[in-house]
Structures are given as C-alpha cells and as structure tokens.
C-alpha cells in the first residue's frame, strides 16, 4: 500500500512537542494525527510499527530534516506543511 500524506505541523504541535523524542516531536504529533495511528519521526524517516508484520514508513524531505534539527537544537521554528509518501503492509 502506498499513500501520500500531507503533514501539517501546527503551532500547537510545536508547543506540545518534545525535542529529541521521535515519538513526541512536533512532526510525530502531526503525522500521528493525519495517519490516525502512532507515528515516529526519525532523522530521515517517518515510521510506525503496527504489529509483527505491519508497518508504514516514508522518507522525510531534507527541508523537514533541517526543521527537526533546528527544533531539537532549541532554535526557533515556524509551522510547516509537507507531503510524504508512505509505504507499508
């Protein structure tokens, strides 16, 4: 299965997000809301494991990778919107 998801990271996601936490960073919060399942945001990928044989994963655009790095380093960030192609079974 392949889906294209539009991830809209809001000011609320930024305020609630935790730096250096792939499960509760602003990008993960926004992706979880859009995908209607817990998602994790790593340095390069969004992913979710839904059991031993089910998963969803997709590459994070470079601009979003830099955004996550800025957030993790405590630099000021603005809301961001991006698309990601999610693959999964």
N, C-alpha and C. Protein backbone atom coordinates (compact mmCIF):
# COMPACT_ATOMS: atom_id res chain seq x y z
N UNK A 1 0.85 -1.17 0.00
CA UNK A 1 0.00 0.00 0.00
C UNK A 1 0.90 1.24 0.00
N UNK A 2 0.54 2.21 -0.82
CA UNK A 2 1.27 3.48 -0.88
C UNK A 2 0.26 4.60 -0.71
N UNK A 3 0.55 5.52 0.21
CA UNK A 3 -0.29 6.69 0.44
C UNK A 3 0.58 7.94 0.41
N UNK A 4 0.02 9.03 -0.08
CA UNK A 4 0.69 10.32 0.06
C UNK A 4 -0.06 11.08 1.15
N UNK A 5 0.66 11.44 2.20
CA UNK A 5 0.06 12.14 3.33
C UNK A 5 0.60 13.56 3.38
N UNK A 6 -0.31 14.51 3.62
CA UNK A 6 0.08 15.89 3.84
C UNK A 6 0.16 16.12 5.34
N UNK A 7 1.35 16.40 5.82
CA UNK A 7 1.61 16.59 7.25
C UNK A 7 1.66 18.09 7.52
N UNK A 8 0.78 18.56 8.39
CA UNK A 8 0.67 19.98 8.73
C UNK A 8 1.08 20.15 10.20
N UNK A 9 2.32 20.56 10.43
CA UNK A 9 2.82 20.76 11.79
C UNK A 9 2.37 22.16 12.24
N UNK A 10 1.51 22.19 13.26
CA UNK A 10 0.92 23.45 13.73
C UNK A 10 1.72 24.04 14.89
N UNK A 11 1.36 25.27 15.24
CA UNK A 11 1.97 25.91 16.40
C UNK A 11 1.69 25.09 17.66
N UNK A 12 0.51 24.49 17.74
CA UNK A 12 0.17 23.65 18.89
C UNK A 12 1.08 22.43 18.96
N UNK A 13 1.37 21.81 17.80
CA UNK A 13 2.30 20.67 17.77
C UNK A 13 3.68 21.10 18.28
N UNK A 14 4.11 22.29 17.86
CA UNK A 14 5.42 22.80 18.29
C UNK A 14 5.43 23.01 19.80
N UNK A 15 4.36 23.59 20.34
CA UNK A 15 4.29 23.86 21.77
C UNK A 15 4.24 22.57 22.59
N UNK A 16 3.56 21.55 22.08
CA UNK A 16 3.41 20.28 22.82
C UNK A 16 4.57 19.32 22.58
N UNK A 17 5.34 19.53 21.50
CA UNK A 17 6.37 18.58 21.11
C UNK A 17 7.58 18.58 22.03
N UNK A 18 8.25 17.44 22.04
CA UNK A 18 9.46 17.25 22.84
C UNK A 18 10.66 17.10 21.91
N UNK A 19 11.70 17.87 22.20
CA UNK A 19 12.93 17.77 21.42
C UNK A 19 13.58 16.41 21.64
N UNK A 20 14.20 15.92 20.59
CA UNK A 20 14.96 14.67 20.63
C UNK A 20 14.15 13.46 21.06
N UNK A 21 12.83 13.50 20.81
CA UNK A 21 11.97 12.37 21.13
C UNK A 21 11.20 11.99 19.87
N UNK A 22 11.56 10.90 19.22
CA UNK A 22 10.94 10.56 17.95
C UNK A 22 9.45 10.25 18.04
N UNK A 23 8.96 9.95 19.24
CA UNK A 23 7.54 9.63 19.40
C UNK A 23 6.70 10.85 19.73
N UNK A 24 7.32 11.93 20.22
CA UNK A 24 6.51 13.09 20.62
C UNK A 24 7.08 14.42 20.13
N UNK A 25 7.91 14.37 19.09
CA UNK A 25 8.35 15.63 18.49
C UNK A 25 7.17 16.20 17.69
N UNK A 26 7.20 17.47 17.34
CA UNK A 26 6.07 18.06 16.62
C UNK A 26 5.72 17.34 15.32
N UNK A 27 6.72 16.87 14.59
CA UNK A 27 6.45 16.17 13.33
C UNK A 27 5.73 14.85 13.61
N UNK A 28 6.15 14.13 14.64
CA UNK A 28 5.48 12.87 15.01
C UNK A 28 4.04 13.13 15.45
N UNK A 29 3.82 14.19 16.22
CA UNK A 29 2.46 14.51 16.66
C UNK A 29 1.56 14.79 15.47
N UNK A 30 2.05 15.60 14.54
CA UNK A 30 1.25 15.93 13.35
C UNK A 30 1.02 14.71 12.47
N UNK A 31 2.04 13.91 12.26
CA UNK A 31 1.90 12.70 11.44
C UNK A 31 0.94 11.71 12.07
N UNK A 32 1.00 11.57 13.38
CA UNK A 32 0.08 10.65 14.08
C UNK A 32 -1.36 11.10 13.89
N UNK A 33 -1.58 12.40 13.94
CA UNK A 33 -2.94 12.94 13.76
C UNK A 33 -3.44 12.65 12.34
N UNK A 34 -2.61 12.89 11.36
CA UNK A 34 -3.00 12.70 9.96
C UNK A 34 -3.19 11.22 9.64
N UNK A 35 -2.29 10.38 10.11
CA UNK A 35 -2.31 8.95 9.77
C UNK A 35 -3.24 8.14 10.68
N UNK A 36 -3.74 8.78 11.72
CA UNK A 36 -4.66 8.13 12.67
C UNK A 36 -4.06 6.87 13.30
N UNK A 37 -2.76 6.96 13.58
CA UNK A 37 -2.03 5.91 14.28
C UNK A 37 -0.74 6.51 14.81
N UNK A 38 -0.15 5.92 15.84
CA UNK A 38 1.12 6.46 16.36
C UNK A 38 2.22 6.38 15.30
N UNK A 39 2.87 7.51 15.07
CA UNK A 39 3.98 7.59 14.12
C UNK A 39 5.21 8.12 14.86
N UNK A 40 6.38 7.72 14.39
CA UNK A 40 7.63 8.22 14.94
C UNK A 40 8.37 8.96 13.83
N UNK A 41 9.05 10.03 14.22
CA UNK A 41 9.83 10.81 13.27
C UNK A 41 11.31 10.67 13.62
N UNK A 42 12.01 9.92 12.80
CA UNK A 42 13.45 9.80 12.98
C UNK A 42 14.15 10.92 12.23
N UNK A 43 15.44 10.84 12.14
CA UNK A 43 16.21 11.87 11.44
C UNK A 43 15.89 11.93 9.96
N UNK A 44 15.54 10.79 9.37
CA UNK A 44 15.34 10.73 7.93
C UNK A 44 14.00 10.15 7.50
N UNK A 45 13.26 9.53 8.44
CA UNK A 45 12.04 8.81 8.06
C UNK A 45 10.93 8.99 9.09
N UNK A 46 9.71 8.89 8.59
CA UNK A 46 8.54 8.69 9.45
C UNK A 46 8.27 7.20 9.43
N UNK A 47 7.91 6.65 10.55
CA UNK A 47 7.56 5.24 10.54
C UNK A 47 6.65 4.87 11.70
N UNK A 48 5.96 3.75 11.50
CA UNK A 48 5.08 3.20 12.51
C UNK A 48 5.11 1.70 12.38
N UNK A 49 5.14 1.03 13.50
CA UNK A 49 5.05 -0.43 13.51
C UNK A 49 3.71 -0.78 14.15
N UNK A 50 2.91 -1.54 13.43
CA UNK A 50 1.57 -1.88 13.89
C UNK A 50 1.43 -3.36 14.19
N UNK A 51 2.49 -4.02 14.50
CA UNK A 51 2.47 -5.45 14.76
C UNK A 51 3.71 -6.07 14.15
N UNK A 52 3.80 -7.37 14.27
CA UNK A 52 5.00 -8.07 13.81
C UNK A 52 5.22 -7.95 12.31
N UNK A 53 4.15 -7.82 11.52
CA UNK A 53 4.31 -7.81 10.07
C UNK A 53 3.69 -6.59 9.39
N UNK A 54 3.24 -5.61 10.17
CA UNK A 54 2.62 -4.43 9.58
C UNK A 54 3.42 -3.18 9.94
N UNK A 55 3.60 -2.32 8.96
CA UNK A 55 4.36 -1.08 9.20
C UNK A 55 3.97 -0.05 8.16
N UNK A 56 4.32 1.21 8.42
CA UNK A 56 4.25 2.30 7.44
C UNK A 56 5.54 3.09 7.58
N UNK A 57 6.11 3.48 6.47
CA UNK A 57 7.35 4.24 6.51
C UNK A 57 7.44 5.15 5.29
N UNK A 58 8.15 6.26 5.44
CA UNK A 58 8.35 7.17 4.33
C UNK A 58 9.48 8.13 4.61
N UNK A 59 10.20 8.52 3.58
CA UNK A 59 11.33 9.43 3.72
C UNK A 59 10.85 10.85 4.00
N UNK A 60 11.51 11.51 4.95
CA UNK A 60 11.21 12.89 5.30
C UNK A 60 12.02 13.80 4.36
N UNK A 61 11.37 14.82 3.76
CA UNK A 61 12.12 15.74 2.89
C UNK A 61 13.28 16.42 3.64
N UNK A 62 14.33 16.76 2.89
CA UNK A 62 15.52 17.39 3.52
C UNK A 62 15.16 18.66 4.28
N UNK A 63 14.24 19.46 3.76
CA UNK A 63 13.86 20.69 4.46
C UNK A 63 13.25 20.37 5.82
N UNK A 64 12.53 19.27 5.92
CA UNK A 64 11.93 18.87 7.20
C UNK A 64 13.00 18.28 8.11
N UNK A 65 13.96 17.59 7.54
CA UNK A 65 15.08 17.09 8.34
C UNK A 65 15.79 18.26 9.03
N UNK A 66 16.01 19.35 8.29
CA UNK A 66 16.66 20.54 8.87
C UNK A 66 15.75 21.18 9.93
N UNK A 67 14.45 21.19 9.68
CA UNK A 67 13.48 21.74 10.63
C UNK A 67 13.55 20.97 11.95
N UNK A 68 13.57 19.64 11.86
CA UNK A 68 13.66 18.80 13.06
C UNK A 68 14.97 19.09 13.80
N UNK A 69 16.07 19.20 13.06
CA UNK A 69 17.37 19.51 13.68
C UNK A 69 17.30 20.86 14.42
N UNK A 70 16.70 21.86 13.78
CA UNK A 70 16.56 23.17 14.43
C UNK A 70 15.74 23.05 15.71
N UNK A 71 14.62 22.34 15.65
CA UNK A 71 13.78 22.16 16.83
C UNK A 71 14.55 21.44 17.94
N UNK A 72 15.23 20.36 17.57
CA UNK A 72 15.99 19.59 18.56
C UNK A 72 17.11 20.40 19.20
N UNK A 73 17.67 21.36 18.46
CA UNK A 73 18.75 22.19 18.98
C UNK A 73 18.24 23.43 19.72
N UNK A 74 16.92 23.56 19.82
CA UNK A 74 16.34 24.68 20.57
C UNK A 74 16.21 25.97 19.78
N UNK A 75 16.43 25.88 18.47
CA UNK A 75 16.26 27.08 17.64
C UNK A 75 14.77 27.30 17.35
N UNK A 76 14.40 28.52 17.10
CA UNK A 76 13.01 28.88 16.82
C UNK A 76 12.57 28.28 15.49
N UNK A 77 11.38 27.68 15.47
CA UNK A 77 10.83 27.11 14.23
C UNK A 77 9.40 27.62 14.06
N UNK A 78 8.97 27.63 12.82
CA UNK A 78 7.61 28.04 12.46
C UNK A 78 6.83 26.81 12.01
N UNK A 79 5.50 26.88 12.02
CA UNK A 79 4.71 25.77 11.48
C UNK A 79 5.17 25.43 10.05
N UNK A 80 5.01 24.17 9.70
CA UNK A 80 5.48 23.69 8.40
C UNK A 80 4.48 22.68 7.86
N UNK A 81 4.35 22.63 6.55
CA UNK A 81 3.48 21.65 5.89
C UNK A 81 4.30 20.97 4.81
N UNK A 82 4.17 19.64 4.72
CA UNK A 82 4.91 18.90 3.71
C UNK A 82 4.17 17.62 3.36
N UNK A 83 4.55 17.03 2.24
CA UNK A 83 3.98 15.76 1.83
C UNK A 83 5.03 14.66 1.98
N UNK A 84 4.54 13.49 2.33
CA UNK A 84 5.42 12.33 2.45
C UNK A 84 4.71 11.13 1.83
N UNK A 85 5.46 10.34 1.08
CA UNK A 85 4.92 9.12 0.51
C UNK A 85 5.16 7.99 1.50
N UNK A 86 4.09 7.40 1.99
CA UNK A 86 4.18 6.33 2.98
C UNK A 86 3.95 4.98 2.33
N UNK A 87 4.87 4.07 2.56
CA UNK A 87 4.78 2.71 2.08
C UNK A 87 4.46 1.83 3.27
N UNK A 88 3.76 0.76 3.04
CA UNK A 88 3.51 -0.15 4.14
C UNK A 88 2.75 -1.38 3.74
N UNK A 89 2.68 -2.27 4.69
CA UNK A 89 1.91 -3.50 4.52
C UNK A 89 1.04 -3.71 5.72
